[in-house]
């Protein structure tokens, strides 16, 4: 369950950019990766790096609630 989410990349597969490891990201909504979990696995193409200082709650809703795009930072 779950579509949108925010988290930190802890591992990258062999075809993903290793620079993603440790980065804070949002997941593009799909209902395929179970974001109502402590950890999940998603393709690198389904994550977008975001600023470290942005509020987690706003980031988690960003992909499904674009009104948050008025935030003081940009993707």
Protein backbone atom coordinates (compact mmCIF):
# COMPACT_ATOMS: atom_id res chain seq x y z
CA UNK A 1 0.00 0.00 0.00
CA UNK A 2 0.99 3.60 -0.42
CA UNK A 3 1.89 5.63 -3.47
CA UNK A 4 4.05 8.58 -2.50
CA UNK A 5 6.94 8.74 -0.13
CA UNK A 6 10.16 10.37 0.97
CA UNK A 7 13.23 8.64 2.23
CA UNK A 8 16.93 8.06 1.91
CA UNK A 9 18.59 5.72 -0.57
CA UNK A 10 20.52 3.04 1.34
CA UNK A 11 21.58 0.89 -1.61
CA UNK A 12 21.77 1.22 -5.38
CA UNK A 13 21.52 -1.60 -7.88
CA UNK A 14 24.17 -2.30 -10.48
CA UNK A 15 22.42 -0.16 -13.13
CA UNK A 16 21.65 2.79 -10.82
CA UNK A 17 23.85 5.81 -10.21
CA UNK A 18 25.87 5.04 -7.06
CA UNK A 19 25.74 8.77 -6.21
CA UNK A 20 22.11 8.20 -5.14
CA UNK A 21 23.26 6.28 -2.05
CA UNK A 22 22.74 8.50 0.98
CA UNK A 23 20.60 11.02 -0.92
CA UNK A 24 17.18 12.08 0.26
CA UNK A 25 14.57 11.36 -2.42
CA UNK A 26 10.88 11.39 -3.15
CA UNK A 27 9.27 8.45 -4.91
CA UNK A 28 7.03 9.10 -7.86
CA UNK A 29 3.59 7.68 -7.06
CA UNK A 30 2.79 4.29 -8.54
CA UNK A 31 1.23 2.06 -5.82
CA UNK A 32 3.78 -0.59 -6.84
CA UNK A 33 6.52 -0.11 -4.25
CA UNK A 34 4.67 -0.17 -0.92
CA UNK A 35 5.56 3.18 0.60
CA UNK A 36 3.68 2.35 3.81
CA UNK A 37 6.79 0.51 4.92
CA UNK A 38 10.04 1.24 6.69
CA UNK A 39 11.99 0.17 3.59
CA UNK A 40 11.07 -0.48 -0.02
CA UNK A 41 12.75 -1.11 -3.37
CA UNK A 42 12.11 1.13 -6.38
CA UNK A 43 13.77 1.69 -9.76
CA UNK A 44 16.15 4.67 -9.85
CA UNK A 45 13.88 6.23 -12.47
CA UNK A 46 11.12 6.43 -9.88
CA UNK A 47 13.04 8.55 -7.38
CA UNK A 48 13.94 12.25 -7.47
CA UNK A 49 16.64 13.73 -5.22
CA UNK A 50 15.37 16.56 -3.00
CA UNK A 51 16.95 19.08 -0.62
CA UNK A 52 18.03 17.87 2.80
CA UNK A 53 16.38 20.75 4.64
CA UNK A 54 12.89 20.45 3.13
CA UNK A 55 10.08 19.32 5.43
CA UNK A 56 9.50 15.56 5.12
CA UNK A 57 5.69 15.81 5.24
CA UNK A 58 5.62 18.31 2.37
CA UNK A 59 8.05 16.20 0.35
CA UNK A 60 5.98 13.06 0.85
CA UNK A 61 2.94 14.78 -0.66
CA UNK A 62 4.75 16.66 -3.41
CA UNK A 63 4.31 14.13 -6.22
CA UNK A 64 0.54 13.83 -5.70
CA UNK A 65 -0.14 17.38 -4.52
CA UNK A 66 1.75 19.73 -6.85
CA UNK A 67 0.47 22.77 -4.96
CA UNK A 68 3.55 22.16 -2.83
CA UNK A 69 5.63 23.34 -5.77
CA UNK A 70 5.39 26.81 -4.26
CA UNK A 71 7.96 25.73 -1.69
CA UNK A 72 11.04 27.98 -1.32
CA UNK A 73 13.29 25.40 -2.98
CA UNK A 74 13.20 23.80 -6.40
CA UNK A 75 13.76 20.26 -7.58
